C-alpha atoms as a PDB file:
ATOM      1  CA  MET A   1      -0.003  -0.124  -0.405  1.00  0.00           C
ATOM      2  CA  THR A   2       1.313   3.672  -0.944  1.00  0.00           C
ATOM      3  CA  THR A   3       1.098   6.450   1.842  1.00  0.00           C
ATOM      4  CA  SER A   4       2.844   9.263  -0.548  1.00  0.00           C
ATOM      5  CA  ALA A   5       1.003  12.448  -2.094  1.00  0.00           C
ATOM      6  CA  ARG A   6      -1.479  11.282  -4.503  1.00  0.00           C
ATOM      7  CA  PRO A   7       0.676  11.110  -8.123  1.00  0.00           C
ATOM      8  CA  ALA A   8       0.679  13.904 -10.853  1.00  0.00           C
ATOM      9  CA  GLY A   9      -0.814  11.583 -13.098  1.00  0.00           C
ATOM     10  CA  LEU A  10      -4.017  10.700 -10.985  1.00  0.00           C
ATOM     11  CA  VAL A  11      -4.043  14.383 -10.083  1.00  0.00           C
ATOM     12  CA  ALA A  12      -4.410  14.908 -13.983  1.00  0.00           C
ATOM     13  CA  ILE A  13      -7.132  12.068 -14.155  1.00  0.00           C
ATOM     14  CA  ASP A  14      -9.327  13.940 -11.360  1.00  0.00           C
ATOM     15  CA  HIS A  15      -9.324  17.406 -13.439  1.00  0.00           C
ATOM     16  CA  GLU A  16     -10.480  15.721 -16.567  1.00  0.00           C
ATOM     17  CA  MET A  17     -12.953  13.399 -14.586  1.00  0.00           C
ATOM     18  CA  ALA A  18     -14.247  16.734 -12.609  1.00  0.00           C
ATOM     19  CA  ARG A  19     -15.917  18.231 -16.069  1.00  0.00           C
ATOM     20  CA  GLN A  20     -16.834  14.733 -17.668  1.00  0.00           C
ATOM     21  CA  ALA A  21     -20.586  14.981 -16.944  1.00  0.00           C
ATOM     22  CA  SER A  22     -20.648  18.043 -18.097  1.00  0.00           C
ATOM     23  CA  ASP A  23     -18.488  18.232 -21.393  1.00  0.00           C
ATOM     24  CA  ALA A  24     -20.952  15.099 -22.306  1.00  0.00           C
ATOM     25  CA  ILE A  25     -23.944  16.899 -21.559  1.00  0.00           C
ATOM     26  CA  ALA A  26     -22.911  19.474 -23.688  1.00  0.00           C
ATOM     27  CA  SER A  27     -21.212  17.112 -26.480  1.00  0.00           C
ATOM     28  CA  PHE A  28     -24.309  15.587 -26.947  1.00  0.00           C
ATOM     29  CA  HIS A  29     -26.678  18.948 -27.637  1.00  0.00           C
ATOM     30  CA  GLN A  30     -23.856  20.152 -29.828  1.00  0.00           C
ATOM     31  CA  ALA A  31     -23.796  16.626 -31.362  1.00  0.00           C
ATOM     32  CA  VAL A  32     -27.819  16.895 -32.809  1.00  0.00           C
ATOM     33  CA  THR A  33     -27.617  18.052 -36.323  1.00  0.00           C
ATOM     34  CA  PRO A  34     -24.296  15.347 -37.646  1.00  0.00           C
ATOM     35  CA  ALA A  35     -25.708  12.862 -35.430  1.00  0.00           C
ATOM     36  CA  ALA A  36     -29.065  13.025 -37.018  1.00  0.00           C
ATOM     37  CA  LYS A  37     -26.568  13.039 -40.406  1.00  0.00           C
ATOM     38  CA  ILE A  38     -25.175   9.538 -39.098  1.00  0.00           C
ATOM     39  CA  ALA A  39     -28.342   8.218 -38.394  1.00  0.00           C
ATOM     40  CA  GLY A  40     -29.457   8.827 -41.954  1.00  0.00           C
ATOM     41  CA  SER A  41     -26.941   6.869 -43.386  1.00  0.00           C
ATOM     42  CA  LEU A  42     -27.363   3.872 -40.843  1.00  0.00           C
ATOM     43  CA  LYS A  43     -31.115   3.812 -42.263  1.00  0.00           C
ATOM     44  CA  SER A  44     -29.702   3.701 -45.695  1.00  0.00           C
ATOM     45  CA  THR A  45     -27.058   1.136 -45.076  1.00  0.00           C
ATOM     46  CA  GLY A  46     -29.012  -1.193 -42.177  1.00  0.00           C
ATOM     47  CA  LYS A  47     -25.245  -1.211 -41.556  1.00  0.00           C
ATOM     48  CA  LEU A  48     -22.713  -0.205 -39.254  1.00  0.00           C
ATOM     49  CA  LEU A  49     -18.827  -0.708 -38.683  1.00  0.00           C
ATOM     50  CA  LEU A  50     -17.529   0.165 -35.903  1.00  0.00           C
ATOM     51  CA  LEU A  51     -13.924   0.910 -35.532  1.00  0.00           C
ATOM     52  CA  GLY A  52     -11.386   2.111 -32.643  1.00  0.00           C
ATOM     53  CA  MET A  53      -8.349   0.920 -30.690  1.00  0.00           C
ATOM     54  CA  GLY A  54      -7.979   0.621 -27.084  1.00  0.00           C
ATOM     55  CA  GLY A  55     -10.825   3.135 -25.282  1.00  0.00           C
ATOM     56  CA  SER A  56     -12.340   3.636 -28.424  1.00  0.00           C
ATOM     57  CA  HIS A  57     -12.529   0.223 -29.321  1.00  0.00           C
ATOM     58  CA  ALA A  58     -13.885  -0.555 -26.087  1.00  0.00           C
ATOM     59  CA  VAL A  59     -16.796   2.141 -26.524  1.00  0.00           C
ATOM     60  CA  GLY A  60     -17.623   0.651 -29.851  1.00  0.00           C
ATOM     61  CA  ARG A  61     -18.027  -2.554 -27.784  1.00  0.00           C
ATOM     62  CA  ALA A  62     -20.464  -1.234 -25.931  1.00  0.00           C
ATOM     63  CA  VAL A  63     -22.806   0.285 -27.940  1.00  0.00           C
ATOM     64  CA  GLU A  64     -23.081  -2.421 -30.521  1.00  0.00           C
ATOM     65  CA  PRO A  65     -26.207  -3.963 -28.781  1.00  0.00           C
ATOM     66  CA  LEU A  66     -27.933  -0.809 -28.972  1.00  0.00           C
ATOM     67  CA  TYR A  67     -27.270  -0.078 -32.671  1.00  0.00           C
ATOM     68  CA  ARG A  68     -28.331  -4.140 -32.991  1.00  0.00           C
ATOM     69  CA  ALA A  69     -31.688  -3.314 -30.969  1.00  0.00           C
ATOM     70  CA  HIS A  70     -32.162  -0.950 -34.177  1.00  0.00           C
ATOM     71  CA  GLY A  71     -32.352  -3.391 -36.641  1.00  0.00           C
ATOM     72  CA  ILE A  72     -28.842  -2.251 -37.667  1.00  0.00           C
ATOM     73  CA  ASP A  73     -25.726  -4.877 -38.003  1.00  0.00           C
ATOM     74  CA  ALA A  74     -23.540  -3.523 -36.051  1.00  0.00           C
ATOM     75  CA  ILE A  75     -20.044  -4.672 -35.505  1.00  0.00           C
ATOM     76  CA  ALA A  76     -17.084  -3.369 -33.647  1.00  0.00           C
ATOM     77  CA  LEU A  77     -13.611  -4.270 -34.702  1.00  0.00           C
ATOM     78  CA  PRO A  78     -10.118  -3.536 -33.582  1.00  0.00           C
ATOM     79  CA  LEU A  79      -8.625  -0.279 -36.232  1.00  0.00           C
ATOM     80  CA  SER A  80      -5.612  -2.745 -36.405  1.00  0.00           C
ATOM     81  CA  GLU A  81      -7.541  -5.756 -37.176  1.00  0.00           C
ATOM     82  CA  GLN A  82      -9.595  -3.833 -40.211  1.00  0.00           C
ATOM     83  CA  LEU A  83      -6.007  -3.132 -41.441  1.00  0.00           C
ATOM     84  CA  GLY A  84      -4.859  -6.519 -41.655  1.00  0.00           C
ATOM     85  CA  GLN A  85      -7.755  -8.518 -42.095  1.00  0.00           C
ATOM     86  CA  PRO A  86     -10.440  -6.520 -43.285  1.00  0.00           C
ATOM     87  CA  LEU A  87     -14.149  -6.926 -43.245  1.00  0.00           C
ATOM     88  CA  SER A  88     -15.945  -5.197 -46.434  1.00  0.00           C
ATOM     89  CA  VAL A  89     -16.592  -1.812 -46.424  1.00  0.00           C
ATOM     90  CA  GLU A  90     -19.206  -1.607 -48.978  1.00  0.00           C
ATOM     91  CA  GLY A  91     -22.775  -0.746 -47.782  1.00  0.00           C
ATOM     92  CA  LYS A  92     -21.868  -0.026 -45.041  1.00  0.00           C
ATOM     93  CA  THR A  93     -21.783   3.290 -42.788  1.00  0.00           C
ATOM     94  CA  ILE A  94     -17.966   3.469 -41.237  1.00  0.00           C
ATOM     95  CA  LEU A  95     -17.418   5.038 -38.016  1.00  0.00           C
ATOM     96  CA  VAL A  96     -14.028   5.461 -36.695  1.00  0.00           C
ATOM     97  CA  THR A  97     -13.482   6.919 -33.572  1.00  0.00           C
ATOM     98  CA  SER A  98     -10.633   8.760 -31.938  1.00  0.00           C
ATOM     99  CA  GLN A  99     -10.213  10.639 -29.604  1.00  0.00           C
ATOM    100  CA  SER A 100      -6.983  12.750 -30.565  1.00  0.00           C
ATOM    101  CA  GLY A 101      -7.487  11.584 -33.729  1.00  0.00           C
ATOM    102  CA  GLU A 102      -4.574  11.285 -35.001  1.00  0.00           C
ATOM    103  CA  SER A 103      -3.766   7.372 -33.818  1.00  0.00           C
ATOM    104  CA  ALA A 104      -1.358   5.833 -36.229  1.00  0.00           C
ATOM    105  CA  GLU A 105      -4.062   3.226 -37.560  1.00  0.00           C
ATOM    106  CA  VAL A 106      -6.185   6.294 -38.286  1.00  0.00           C
ATOM    107  CA  LEU A 107      -4.459   7.920 -40.817  1.00  0.00           C
ATOM    108  CA  ARG A 108      -2.631   4.678 -42.359  1.00  0.00           C
ATOM    109  CA  TRP A 109      -6.330   3.648 -42.934  1.00  0.00           C
ATOM    110  CA  PHE A 110      -7.205   7.107 -44.492  1.00  0.00           C
ATOM    111  CA  GLY A 111      -4.541   6.186 -46.314  1.00  0.00           C
ATOM    112  CA  GLU A 112      -4.752   3.206 -47.759  1.00  0.00           C
ATOM    113  CA  THR A 113      -9.032   3.279 -48.227  1.00  0.00           C
ATOM    114  CA  LEU A 114      -7.683   6.804 -50.159  1.00  0.00           C
ATOM    115  CA  GLY A 115     -10.451   8.726 -47.367  1.00  0.00           C
ATOM    116  CA  GLY A 116     -12.874   6.457 -46.479  1.00  0.00           C
ATOM    117  CA  THR A 117     -16.129   5.861 -48.287  1.00  0.00           C
ATOM    118  CA  PRO A 118     -18.934   8.126 -48.476  1.00  0.00           C
ATOM    119  CA  HIS A 119     -20.299   6.706 -45.383  1.00  0.00           C
ATOM    120  CA  THR A 120     -17.475   7.151 -43.120  1.00  0.00           C
ATOM    121  CA  PHE A 121     -18.243   9.180 -40.644  1.00  0.00           C
ATOM    122  CA  GLY A 122     -15.463  10.808 -37.497  1.00  0.00           C
ATOM    123  CA  LEU A 123     -16.020  10.526 -33.306  1.00  0.00           C
ATOM    124  CA  THR A 124     -13.609  12.473 -31.716  1.00  0.00           C
ATOM    125  CA  LEU A 125     -12.370  15.185 -29.308  1.00  0.00           C
ATOM    126  CA  GLU A 126     -10.170  17.359 -31.314  1.00  0.00           C
ATOM    127  CA  GLY A 127     -11.821  19.145 -34.291  1.00  0.00           C
ATOM    128  CA  GLY A 128      -8.885  20.537 -35.767  1.00  0.00           C
ATOM    129  CA  SER A 129      -7.343  16.313 -35.974  1.00  0.00           C
ATOM    130  CA  PHE A 130      -6.493  14.630 -38.668  1.00  0.00           C
ATOM    131  CA  LEU A 131      -9.717  12.407 -38.753  1.00  0.00           C
ATOM    132  CA  ALA A 132     -12.083  15.029 -38.309  1.00  0.00           C
ATOM    133  CA  LYS A 133     -10.588  17.039 -41.398  1.00  0.00           C
ATOM    134  CA  ASN A 134     -10.982  14.185 -43.511  1.00  0.00           C
ATOM    135  CA  ALA A 135     -14.524  12.813 -42.292  1.00  0.00           C
ATOM    136  CA  PRO A 136     -17.485  14.609 -41.153  1.00  0.00           C
ATOM    137  CA  SER A 137     -17.215  14.137 -37.242  1.00  0.00           C
ATOM    138  CA  LEU A 138     -19.197  14.122 -34.100  1.00  0.00           C
ATOM    139  CA  VAL A 139     -16.954  16.558 -31.961  1.00  0.00           C
ATOM    140  CA  GLY A 140     -17.037  16.362 -28.298  1.00  0.00           C
ATOM    141  CA  VAL A 141     -16.737  19.409 -26.229  1.00  0.00           C
ATOM    142  CA  GLY A 142     -13.722  20.198 -23.912  1.00  0.00           C
ATOM    143  CA  GLY A 143     -11.140  19.057 -26.175  1.00  0.00           C
ATOM    144  CA  THR A 144      -8.495  16.550 -26.292  1.00  0.00           C
ATOM    145  CA  GLU A 145      -7.901  14.093 -22.710  1.00  0.00           C
ATOM    146  CA  LYS A 146      -5.107  15.207 -21.616  1.00  0.00           C
ATOM    147  CA  ALA A 147      -4.597  13.042 -18.574  1.00  0.00           C
ATOM    148  CA  PHE A 148      -3.315   8.705 -19.601  1.00  0.00           C
ATOM    149  CA  ALA A 149      -5.776   6.297 -19.157  1.00  0.00           C
ATOM    150  CA  ALA A 150      -9.095   7.205 -20.864  1.00  0.00           C
ATOM    151  CA  THR A 151     -11.671   8.612 -18.361  1.00  0.00           C
ATOM    152  CA  ARG A 152     -13.525  11.700 -19.974  1.00  0.00           C
ATOM    153  CA  SER A 153     -13.109  10.665 -23.057  1.00  0.00           C
ATOM    154  CA  LEU A 154     -15.533   7.766 -22.614  1.00  0.00           C
ATOM    155  CA  THR A 155     -18.274   9.592 -21.401  1.00  0.00           C
ATOM    156  CA  ILE A 156     -17.866  12.224 -24.100  1.00  0.00           C
ATOM    157  CA  SER A 157     -17.966   9.321 -26.900  1.00  0.00           C
ATOM    158  CA  PHE A 158     -20.632   7.407 -25.232  1.00  0.00           C
ATOM    159  CA  ALA A 159     -22.680  10.545 -25.195  1.00  0.00           C
ATOM    160  CA  LEU A 160     -21.863  11.217 -28.664  1.00  0.00           C
ATOM    161  CA  HIS A 161     -23.453   7.525 -29.475  1.00  0.00           C
ATOM    162  CA  LEU A 162     -26.404   9.219 -27.165  1.00  0.00           C
ATOM    163  CA  ALA A 163     -27.430  11.517 -29.765  1.00  0.00           C
ATOM    164  CA  VAL A 164     -27.454   9.524 -32.778  1.00  0.00           C
ATOM    165  CA  LEU A 165     -28.984   6.710 -30.874  1.00  0.00           C
ATOM    166  CA  ALA A 166     -31.909   9.427 -30.223  1.00  0.00           C
ATOM    167  CA  ALA A 167     -31.511  10.494 -34.063  1.00  0.00           C
ATOM    168  CA  LEU A 168     -32.651   6.601 -34.295  1.00  0.00           C
ATOM    169  CA  GLY A 169     -35.444   7.202 -32.364  1.00  0.00           C
ATOM    170  CA  ASP A 170     -34.943   6.546 -28.600  1.00  0.00           C
ATOM    171  CA  ASP A 171     -35.697   8.651 -25.918  1.00  0.00           C
ATOM    172  CA  PRO A 172     -32.226  10.071 -24.368  1.00  0.00           C
ATOM    173  CA  ALA A 173     -34.022  11.306 -21.152  1.00  0.00           C
ATOM    174  CA  GLY A 174     -32.911   8.806 -18.975  1.00  0.00           C
ATOM    175  CA  ALA A 175     -29.621   9.091 -19.745  1.00  0.00           C
ATOM    176  CA  LEU A 176     -28.933  12.357 -19.669  1.00  0.00           C
ATOM    177  CA  HIS A 177     -30.762  12.065 -16.143  1.00  0.00           C
ATOM    178  CA  THR A 178     -28.326  10.047 -15.141  1.00  0.00           C
ATOM    179  CA  LEU A 179     -25.452  12.260 -16.130  1.00  0.00           C
ATOM    180  CA  GLU A 180     -27.049  15.065 -14.693  1.00  0.00           C
ATOM    181  CA  SER A 181     -27.629  13.300 -11.561  1.00  0.00           C
ATOM    182  CA  PRO A 182     -24.638  11.195 -10.380  1.00  0.00           C
ATOM    183  CA  GLN A 183     -25.371   7.912  -8.451  1.00  0.00           C
ATOM    184  CA  THR A 184     -22.423   7.594  -5.309  1.00  0.00           C
ATOM    185  CA  PRO A 185     -22.342   4.069  -4.118  1.00  0.00           C
ATOM    186  CA  ASP A 186     -19.746   2.909  -1.587  1.00  0.00           C
ATOM    187  CA  THR A 187     -16.985   1.092  -3.442  1.00  0.00           C
ATOM    188  CA  ALA A 188     -14.947   0.131  -0.360  1.00  0.00           C
ATOM    189  CA  PRO A 189     -15.500  -2.751   0.704  1.00  0.00           C
ATOM    190  CA  ALA A 190     -15.118  -3.713  -2.719  1.00  0.00           C
ATOM    191  CA  LEU A 191     -11.883  -2.910  -3.013  1.00  0.00           C
ATOM    192  CA  ALA A 192     -10.827  -4.138   0.259  1.00  0.00           C
ATOM    193  CA  ALA A 193     -12.047  -7.431  -1.173  1.00  0.00           C
ATOM    194  CA  LEU A 194      -9.567  -7.074  -3.543  1.00  0.00           C
ATOM    195  CA  ASN A 195      -7.036  -6.235  -1.235  1.00  0.00           C
ATOM    196  CA  GLY A 196      -4.874  -9.728  -2.328  1.00  0.00           C
ATOM    197  CA  VAL A 197      -5.004 -10.339  -5.507  1.00  0.00           C
ATOM    198  CA  ARG A 198      -2.751 -10.196  -8.588  1.00  0.00           C
ATOM    199  CA  SER A 199      -4.758  -9.864 -11.556  1.00  0.00           C
ATOM    200  CA  VAL A 200      -8.544  -8.840 -12.116  1.00  0.00           C
ATOM    201  CA  VAL A 201     -10.828 -10.307 -15.000  1.00  0.00           C
ATOM    202  CA  THR A 202     -13.733  -8.181 -15.955  1.00  0.00           C
ATOM    203  CA  SER A 203     -16.828  -9.344 -17.644  1.00  0.00           C
ATOM    204  CA  GLY A 204     -20.440  -8.976 -18.889  1.00  0.00           C
ATOM    205  CA  ARG A 205     -23.142  -9.894 -20.991  1.00  0.00           C
ATOM    206  CA  ARG A 206     -24.801  -6.720 -22.606  1.00  0.00           C
ATOM    207  CA  LEU A 207     -22.757  -4.362 -20.827  1.00  0.00           C
ATOM    208  CA  GLN A 208     -19.376  -6.361 -21.754  1.00  0.00           C
ATOM    209  CA  GLY A 209     -18.564  -3.301 -23.284  1.00  0.00           C
ATOM    210  CA  LEU A 210     -18.152  -1.397 -20.318  1.00  0.00           C
ATOM    211  CA  ALA A 211     -16.720  -4.238 -19.188  1.00  0.00           C
ATOM    212  CA  GLU A 212     -13.539  -3.694 -21.461  1.00  0.00           C
ATOM    213  CA  ALA A 213     -12.794  -0.049 -21.277  1.00  0.00           C
ATOM    214  CA  ILE A 214     -12.612  -0.460 -16.928  1.00  0.00           C
ATOM    215  CA  GLY A 215     -10.088  -3.696 -17.919  1.00  0.00           C
ATOM    216  CA  LEU A 216      -7.987  -1.649 -20.122  1.00  0.00           C
ATOM    217  CA  GLY A 217      -8.432   1.204 -17.402  1.00  0.00           C
ATOM    218  CA  LEU A 218      -6.898  -1.225 -14.282  1.00  0.00           C
ATOM    219  CA  THR A 219      -3.938  -2.402 -16.251  1.00  0.00           C
ATOM    220  CA  GLU A 220      -3.110   0.617 -17.828  1.00  0.00           C
ATOM    221  CA  LEU A 221      -3.180   1.939 -13.939  1.00  0.00           C
ATOM    222  CA  SER A 222      -2.267  -0.226 -12.172  1.00  0.00           C
ATOM    223  CA  ARG A 223       0.148  -2.394 -14.316  1.00  0.00           C
ATOM    224  CA  LEU A 224      -1.189  -5.452 -13.251  1.00  0.00           C
ATOM    225  CA  PRO A 225      -2.529  -7.579 -15.954  1.00  0.00           C
ATOM    226  CA  CYS A 226      -6.069  -7.277 -15.765  1.00  0.00           C
ATOM    227  CA  PHE A 227      -8.143  -7.772 -18.772  1.00  0.00           C
ATOM    228  CA  SER A 228     -12.166  -8.375 -20.004  1.00  0.00           C
ATOM    229  CA  LEU A 229     -13.692 -11.757 -21.600  1.00  0.00           C
ATOM    230  CA  GLU A 230     -16.635 -11.521 -22.207  1.00  0.00           C
ATOM    231  CA  GLY A 231     -19.060 -13.940 -19.977  1.00  0.00           C
ATOM    232  CA  GLY A 232     -19.470 -16.859 -22.065  1.00  0.00           C
ATOM    233  CA  GLN A 233     -16.266 -16.284 -22.952  1.00  0.00           C
ATOM    234  CA  LEU A 234     -15.338 -16.628 -19.089  1.00  0.00           C
ATOM    235  CA  ARG A 235     -17.623 -20.120 -18.637  1.00  0.00           C
ATOM    236  CA  HIS A 236     -15.742 -21.734 -21.699  1.00  0.00           C
ATOM    237  CA  GLY A 237     -12.299 -22.605 -19.982  1.00  0.00           C
ATOM    238  CA  PRO A 238     -11.351 -19.728 -18.482  1.00  0.00           C
ATOM    239  CA  MET A 239     -12.347 -20.240 -14.912  1.00  0.00           C
ATOM    240  CA  GLU A 240      -9.546 -22.349 -14.355  1.00  0.00           C
ATOM    241  CA  MET A 241      -7.445 -19.381 -13.451  1.00  0.00           C
ATOM    242  CA  LEU A 242      -9.587 -18.224 -10.831  1.00  0.00           C
ATOM    243  CA  GLY A 243      -9.177 -18.569  -7.162  1.00  0.00           C
ATOM    244  CA  PRO A 244      -8.478 -15.927  -4.507  1.00  0.00           C
ATOM    245  CA  SER A 245      -5.112 -14.131  -6.664  1.00  0.00           C
ATOM    246  CA  VAL A 246      -7.727 -13.721  -9.332  1.00  0.00           C
ATOM    247  CA  GLY A 247     -10.246 -11.087  -8.905  1.00  0.00           C
ATOM    248  CA  VAL A 248     -13.528 -10.827 -10.873  1.00  0.00           C
ATOM    249  CA  VAL A 249     -15.554  -7.561 -11.669  1.00  0.00           C
ATOM    250  CA  LEU A 250     -18.813  -7.983 -13.574  1.00  0.00           C
ATOM    251  CA  PHE A 251     -21.645  -5.684 -14.676  1.00  0.00           C
ATOM    252  CA  ARG A 252     -24.686  -6.105 -14.429  1.00  0.00           C
ATOM    253  CA  GLY A 253     -27.680  -4.380 -15.983  1.00  0.00           C
ATOM    254  CA  ALA A 254     -31.822  -4.758 -15.687  1.00  0.00           C
ATOM    255  CA  ASP A 255     -32.109  -6.680 -19.431  1.00  0.00           C
ATOM    256  CA  ALA A 256     -32.540 -10.373 -20.601  1.00  0.00           C
ATOM    257  CA  THR A 257     -28.748 -11.424 -19.523  1.00  0.00           C
ATOM    258  CA  ALA A 258     -28.717 -10.250 -15.806  1.00  0.00           C
ATOM    259  CA  GLY A 259     -29.397 -14.111 -15.119  1.00  0.00           C
ATOM    260  CA  LEU A 260     -26.482 -15.147 -16.804  1.00  0.00           C
ATOM    261  CA  VAL A 261     -24.411 -12.731 -14.774  1.00  0.00           C
ATOM    262  CA  ARG A 262     -25.620 -13.588 -12.025  1.00  0.00           C
ATOM    263  CA  ALA A 263     -24.927 -16.987 -12.733  1.00  0.00           C
ATOM    264  CA  MET A 264     -21.090 -15.857 -13.473  1.00  0.00           C
ATOM    265  CA  ALA A 265     -20.897 -14.229  -9.969  1.00  0.00           C
ATOM    266  CA  ILE A 266     -21.996 -17.300  -8.179  1.00  0.00           C
ATOM    267  CA  SER A 267     -19.873 -19.415  -9.673  1.00  0.00           C
ATOM    268  CA  ALA A 268     -16.964 -17.084  -9.603  1.00  0.00           C
ATOM    269  CA  ALA A 269     -17.419 -17.211  -5.998  1.00  0.00           C
ATOM    270  CA  GLU A 270     -17.413 -20.796  -5.692  1.00  0.00           C
ATOM    271  CA  ALA A 271     -14.294 -20.976  -7.309  1.00  0.00           C
ATOM    272  CA  GLY A 272     -12.729 -18.892  -4.351  1.00  0.00           C
ATOM    273  CA  SER A 273     -12.263 -15.661  -6.350  1.00  0.00           C
ATOM    274  CA  PRO A 274     -13.314 -12.272  -4.531  1.00  0.00           C
ATOM    275  CA  VAL A 275     -16.376 -10.950  -7.133  1.00  0.00           C
ATOM    276  CA  ILE A 276     -17.268  -7.417  -7.031  1.00  0.00           C
ATOM    277  CA  VAL A 277     -20.732  -6.747  -9.113  1.00  0.00           C
ATOM    278  CA  PHE A 278     -21.303  -3.384 -10.312  1.00  0.00           C
ATOM    279  CA  ASP A 279     -25.489  -3.997 -10.521  1.00  0.00           C
ATOM    280  CA  ALA A 280     -28.038  -1.676 -11.910  1.00  0.00           C
ATOM    281  CA  SER A 281     -30.280  -4.837 -12.679  1.00  0.00           C
ATOM    282  CA  GLY A 282     -32.993  -4.039  -9.742  1.00  0.00           C
ATOM    283  CA  GLU A 283     -32.741  -7.592  -8.691  1.00  0.00           C
ATOM    284  CA  ALA A 284     -31.670  -9.087  -5.511  1.00  0.00           C
ATOM    285  CA  PRO A 285     -27.730  -8.801  -4.341  1.00  0.00           C
ATOM    286  CA  ILE A 286     -25.999 -12.056  -4.899  1.00  0.00           C
ATOM    287  CA  GLU A 287     -25.317 -13.804  -1.985  1.00  0.00           C
ATOM    288  CA  GLY A 288     -21.383 -14.251  -1.279  1.00  0.00           C
ATOM    289  CA  VAL A 289     -20.113 -10.973  -3.357  1.00  0.00           C
ATOM    290  CA  ASN A 290     -19.836  -7.480  -3.290  1.00  0.00           C
ATOM    291  CA  THR A 291     -22.494  -5.906  -4.494  1.00  0.00           C
ATOM    292  CA  ILE A 292     -21.922  -2.359  -5.740  1.00  0.00           C
ATOM    293  CA  PRO A 293     -25.936  -1.461  -6.268  1.00  0.00           C
ATOM    294  CA  PHE A 294     -27.540   1.448  -8.790  1.00  0.00           C
ATOM    295  CA  ALA A 295     -31.148   2.256 -10.009  1.00  0.00           C
ATOM    296  CA  PRO A 296     -32.362   0.061 -12.164  1.00  0.00           C
ATOM    297  CA  ALA A 297     -31.490   0.834 -15.742  1.00  0.00           C
ATOM    298  CA  SER A 298     -30.136  -0.682 -19.231  1.00  0.00           C
ATOM    299  CA  GLY A 299     -28.359   0.433 -22.237  1.00  0.00           C
ATOM    300  CA  LEU A 300     -26.554   4.410 -21.961  1.00  0.00           C
ATOM    301  CA  ALA A 301     -28.574   4.934 -19.043  1.00  0.00           C
ATOM    302  CA  ALA A 302     -27.286   2.224 -16.577  1.00  0.00           C
ATOM    303  CA  ILE A 303     -23.134   2.715 -18.675  1.00  0.00           C
ATOM    304  CA  PHE A 304     -23.259   6.692 -17.365  1.00  0.00           C
ATOM    305  CA  ALA A 305     -24.555   5.635 -14.136  1.00  0.00           C
ATOM    306  CA  MET A 306     -21.587   2.550 -13.144  1.00  0.00           C
ATOM    307  CA  LEU A 307     -18.966   4.629 -15.351  1.00  0.00           C
ATOM    308  CA  PRO A 308     -17.875   7.479 -13.132  1.00  0.00           C
ATOM    309  CA  VAL A 309     -17.998   4.734 -10.178  1.00  0.00           C
ATOM    310  CA  ALA A 310     -16.467   2.607 -11.994  1.00  0.00           C
ATOM    311  CA  GLN A 311     -13.631   4.685 -13.180  1.00  0.00           C
ATOM    312  CA  SER A 312     -13.216   6.160  -9.589  1.00  0.00           C
ATOM    313  CA  PHE A 313     -12.432   2.482  -8.699  1.00  0.00           C
ATOM    314  CA  MET A 314      -9.954   1.621 -10.929  1.00  0.00           C
ATOM    315  CA  ILE A 315      -8.093   4.629  -9.969  1.00  0.00           C
ATOM    316  CA  ALA A 316      -8.521   4.121  -6.065  1.00  0.00           C
ATOM    317  CA  PHE A 317      -7.139  -0.234  -7.455  1.00  0.00           C
ATOM    318  CA  ALA A 318      -4.192   1.715  -8.645  1.00  0.00           C
ATOM    319  CA  ALA A 319      -3.606   4.376  -5.803  1.00  0.00           C
ATOM    320  CA  ALA A 320      -2.949   1.413  -3.630  1.00  0.00           C
ATOM    321  CA  ARG A 321      -0.180  -0.558  -5.497  1.00  0.00           C
ATOM    322  CA  VAL A 322       1.602   1.914  -7.992  1.00  0.00           C
ATOM    323  CA  GLU A 323       3.814   5.106  -6.375  1.00  0.00           C
ATOM    324  CA  ASN A 324       3.511   6.848  -9.279  1.00  0.00           C
ATOM    325  CA  ALA A 325      -0.288   5.725 -11.256  1.00  0.00           C
ATOM    326  CA  GLY A 326      -1.513   7.483 -13.539  1.00  0.00           C
ATOM    327  CA  THR A 327       2.006   7.872 -15.059  1.00  0.00           C
ATOM    328  CA  PRO A 328       3.371   5.763 -18.197  1.00  0.00           C
ATOM    329  CA  VAL A 329       5.955   4.000 -17.737  1.00  0.00           C
ATOM    330  CA  ARG A 330       5.665   2.533 -21.720  1.00  0.00           C
ATOM    331  CA  SER A 331       3.261   4.284 -23.407  1.00  0.00           C
ATOM    332  CA  THR A 332       1.994   7.406 -24.649  1.00  0.00           C
ATOM    333  CA  LYS A 333      -1.125   9.245 -24.547  1.00  0.00           C
ATOM    334  CA  ILE A 334      -1.368   8.984 -28.658  1.00  0.00           C
ATOM    335  CA  THR A 335      -0.346   6.041 -30.099  1.00  0.00           C
ATOM    336  CA  ARG A 336       1.745   7.028 -33.229  1.00  0.00           C
ATOM    337  CA  SER A 337       3.071   3.999 -33.591  1.00  0.00           C
ATOM    338  CA  GLU A 338       1.774   0.344 -35.111  1.00  0.00           C
END
């Protein structure tokens, strides 16, 4: 456990998080007109390819089911995979997400596709970036995220997707209310339960994209091997790794997959792992696990409720283990090489 003053890297993340909700709300309202153009493209093509890296890919994974609910054939793919093993882009709406708009993969993809397709759009925090200059883009309010590990950028990216989904017919009121009225459940018992772990696996079902975003942040900040597996994939073999040294963090919303998350929580606890459940299902807490409760919600409302709490959770987890948490030693904020 560390006892020194708060590291500069975490102070920078604190500053980003302090304004993420207000920037996200402003981003949603600012995006109404350009989001309508993306919605029009989606209605025309019926297919969506979400491309991004790191946290941007996790955002794509999180919104896949929300677009599929509209009958859109949506798939999120790492941009690096699209470069090496490309899916066809013909007849699809392409949404390239890059918080900086300058990552190496973004530049190469636009170069290799000669500027993308007529249905290519961007999602970024930087209006002057390469991405914003080369594709009609949704641009978040507040400029580029400076701190390492995505926090504010995730929240804004989700708000920009909320604008597109609203243009497709979703009611954004519940998600916006969640942003405006954050919940603050106590995470201290859950953090204490993870005191002895050497690694963490995050998992979900419909909220798997959120689990992936938090798994990435846990690894980046704590430098421990924390990673994410979709609930079914965790069930099919990797449960062999579970035990007292492997923490399990699950995300459960008020949707048809809540029962599957409950079953995984029980199995993981029986395997000896300390289990944490971020729970917006509205169902009874699961015996033998640490529940972080939220008001019942699904989709982006559940994501907006859980995300800031899970961010604070991952930061506290890292701060207890790494003296200079938040300051990368092997990475950079903008990845300019492949």
